[in-house]
Amino acid sequence: MGKNNIRYDDEFKSGAVKMVVEKGVPVSKVAKDLGVSEPAIRRWVNNKTLPKDAAAKKLLELEAENKKLRKELSDANDTVNILKKSVAIFVKP
């Protein structure tokens, strides 16, 4: 079987990217609904969302790390609060 050499215009690609990025629709669903391969949709999303220069890439990486660390801190705080409550239950004055 040969490859389909269908060319999609920028408006079509932008619409697909918006569905994934802004509306949170899974790539697989967008690909199925539009009749486009999943790798093509992922490539379009990456081309539209990934920064081109090194400084922007570094900033993006730092933002992702910051988000991850905030989540870890939140989880740790939740754990501490649960442990405090359990200690209060087992240690009665």
C-alpha atoms as a PDB file:
ATOM      1  CA  MET A   1       0.000   0.000   0.000  1.00  0.00           C
ATOM      2  CA  GLY A   2       1.219   3.453  -0.844  1.00  0.00           C
ATOM      3  CA  LYS A   3       1.211   6.499   1.345  1.00  0.00           C
ATOM      4  CA  ASN A   4      -1.561   9.028   1.048  1.00  0.00           C
ATOM      5  CA  ASN A   5      -0.019  12.271  -0.088  1.00  0.00           C
ATOM      6  CA  ILE A   6      -2.898  14.466   0.959  1.00  0.00           C
ATOM      7  CA  ARG A   7      -1.981  18.075   1.668  1.00  0.00           C
ATOM      8  CA  TYR A   8      -3.969  19.789   4.398  1.00  0.00           C
ATOM      9  CA  ASP A   9      -4.187  23.565   4.509  1.00  0.00           C
ATOM     10  CA  ASP A  10      -3.003  25.588   7.511  1.00  0.00           C
ATOM     11  CA  GLU A  11      -6.569  26.329   8.614  1.00  0.00           C
ATOM     12  CA  PHE A  12      -7.383  22.615   8.809  1.00  0.00           C
ATOM     13  CA  LYS A  13      -4.184  21.922  10.755  1.00  0.00           C
ATOM     14  CA  SER A  14      -4.821  24.822  13.133  1.00  0.00           C
ATOM     15  CA  GLY A  15      -8.318  23.543  13.816  1.00  0.00           C
ATOM     16  CA  ALA A  16      -6.977  20.102  14.652  1.00  0.00           C
ATOM     17  CA  VAL A  17      -4.299  21.586  16.924  1.00  0.00           C
ATOM     18  CA  LYS A  18      -6.882  23.734  18.743  1.00  0.00           C
ATOM     19  CA  MET A  19      -9.024  20.668  19.392  1.00  0.00           C
ATOM     20  CA  VAL A  20      -6.062  18.947  21.061  1.00  0.00           C
ATOM     21  CA  VAL A  21      -4.433  21.883  22.844  1.00  0.00           C
ATOM     22  CA  GLU A  22      -7.314  24.152  23.839  1.00  0.00           C
ATOM     23  CA  LYS A  23     -10.221  21.741  24.140  1.00  0.00           C
ATOM     24  CA  GLY A  24      -8.239  18.789  25.488  1.00  0.00           C
ATOM     25  CA  VAL A  25      -9.569  16.286  22.968  1.00  0.00           C
ATOM     26  CA  PRO A  26      -7.277  13.212  22.776  1.00  0.00           C
ATOM     27  CA  VAL A  27      -5.081  12.974  19.688  1.00  0.00           C
ATOM     28  CA  SER A  28      -6.551   9.579  18.850  1.00  0.00           C
ATOM     29  CA  LYS A  29     -10.102  10.964  18.776  1.00  0.00           C
ATOM     30  CA  VAL A  30      -9.132  13.990  16.669  1.00  0.00           C
ATOM     31  CA  ALA A  31      -7.275  11.755  14.243  1.00  0.00           C
ATOM     32  CA  LYS A  32     -10.221   9.377  13.932  1.00  0.00           C
ATOM     33  CA  ASP A  33     -12.793  12.177  13.585  1.00  0.00           C
ATOM     34  CA  LEU A  34     -10.787  14.012  10.922  1.00  0.00           C
ATOM     35  CA  GLY A  35      -9.506  10.937   9.098  1.00  0.00           C
ATOM     36  CA  VAL A  36      -5.870  11.865   9.662  1.00  0.00           C
ATOM     37  CA  SER A  37      -3.115   9.702  11.156  1.00  0.00           C
ATOM     38  CA  GLU A  38      -2.214  10.163  14.817  1.00  0.00           C
ATOM     39  CA  PRO A  39       1.462  10.871  14.030  1.00  0.00           C
ATOM     40  CA  ALA A  40       0.386  13.677  11.693  1.00  0.00           C
ATOM     41  CA  ILE A  41      -1.761  15.271  14.393  1.00  0.00           C
ATOM     42  CA  ARG A  42       1.065  14.957  16.938  1.00  0.00           C
ATOM     43  CA  ARG A  43       3.503  16.513  14.469  1.00  0.00           C
ATOM     44  CA  TRP A  44       1.128  19.446  13.856  1.00  0.00           C
ATOM     45  CA  VAL A  45       0.662  19.965  17.596  1.00  0.00           C
ATOM     46  CA  ASN A  46       4.416  19.882  18.211  1.00  0.00           C
ATOM     47  CA  ASN A  47       5.112  22.276  15.345  1.00  0.00           C
ATOM     48  CA  LYS A  48       2.553  24.759  16.665  1.00  0.00           C
ATOM     49  CA  THR A  49       3.275  24.473  20.380  1.00  0.00           C
ATOM     50  CA  LEU A  50       6.997  23.808  20.764  1.00  0.00           C
ATOM     51  CA  PRO A  51       9.168  26.906  20.833  1.00  0.00           C
ATOM     52  CA  LYS A  52      11.835  27.287  18.176  1.00  0.00           C
ATOM     53  CA  ASP A  53      14.631  29.007  20.107  1.00  0.00           C
ATOM     54  CA  ALA A  54      16.758  27.651  22.945  1.00  0.00           C
ATOM     55  CA  ALA A  55      15.689  30.233  25.548  1.00  0.00           C
ATOM     56  CA  ALA A  56      12.018  29.483  25.010  1.00  0.00           C
ATOM     57  CA  LYS A  57      12.701  25.742  25.179  1.00  0.00           C
ATOM     58  CA  LYS A  58      14.568  26.183  28.457  1.00  0.00           C
ATOM     59  CA  LEU A  59      11.716  28.282  29.854  1.00  0.00           C
ATOM     60  CA  LEU A  60       9.235  25.604  28.840  1.00  0.00           C
ATOM     61  CA  GLU A  61      11.320  22.935  30.562  1.00  0.00           C
ATOM     62  CA  LEU A  62      11.577  25.040  33.723  1.00  0.00           C
ATOM     63  CA  GLU A  63       7.822  25.638  33.748  1.00  0.00           C
ATOM     64  CA  ALA A  64       7.200  21.896  33.436  1.00  0.00           C
ATOM     65  CA  GLU A  65       9.639  21.186  36.270  1.00  0.00           C
ATOM     66  CA  ASN A  66       8.027  23.906  38.395  1.00  0.00           C
ATOM     67  CA  LYS A  67       4.601  22.366  37.824  1.00  0.00           C
ATOM     68  CA  LYS A  68       5.937  18.919  38.779  1.00  0.00           C
ATOM     69  CA  LEU A  69       7.571  20.247  41.951  1.00  0.00           C
ATOM     70  CA  ARG A  70       4.407  22.122  42.963  1.00  0.00           C
ATOM     71  CA  LYS A  71       2.442  18.882  42.579  1.00  0.00           C
ATOM     72  CA  GLU A  72       4.999  16.990  44.678  1.00  0.00           C
ATOM     73  CA  LEU A  73       4.867  19.698  47.368  1.00  0.00           C
ATOM     74  CA  SER A  74       1.089  19.579  47.410  1.00  0.00           C
ATOM     75  CA  ASP A  75       1.168  15.781  47.765  1.00  0.00           C
ATOM     76  CA  ALA A  76       3.727  16.030  50.578  1.00  0.00           C
ATOM     77  CA  ASN A  77       1.613  18.629  52.390  1.00  0.00           C
ATOM     78  CA  ASP A  78      -1.439  16.379  52.076  1.00  0.00           C
ATOM     79  CA  THR A  79       0.544  13.485  53.538  1.00  0.00           C
ATOM     80  CA  VAL A  80       1.745  15.611  56.467  1.00  0.00           C
ATOM     81  CA  ASN A  81      -1.801  16.741  57.208  1.00  0.00           C
ATOM     82  CA  ILE A  82      -3.069  13.162  57.172  1.00  0.00           C
ATOM     83  CA  LEU A  83      -0.259  12.053  59.479  1.00  0.00           C
ATOM     84  CA  LYS A  84      -0.995  14.917  61.895  1.00  0.00           C
ATOM     85  CA  LYS A  85      -4.637  13.855  62.068  1.00  0.00           C
ATOM     86  CA  SER A  86      -3.730  10.207  62.621  1.00  0.00           C
ATOM     87  CA  VAL A  87      -1.334  11.121  65.419  1.00  0.00           C
ATOM     88  CA  ALA A  88      -4.079  13.155  67.078  1.00  0.00           C
ATOM     89  CA  ILE A  89      -6.345  10.116  66.972  1.00  0.00           C
ATOM     90  CA  PHE A  90      -3.831   7.677  68.476  1.00  0.00           C
ATOM     91  CA  VAL A  91      -2.206  10.018  70.980  1.00  0.00           C
ATOM     92  CA  LYS A  92      -4.911  11.218  73.319  1.00  0.00           C
ATOM     93  CA  PRO A  93      -3.923  13.338  76.315  1.00  0.00           C
END
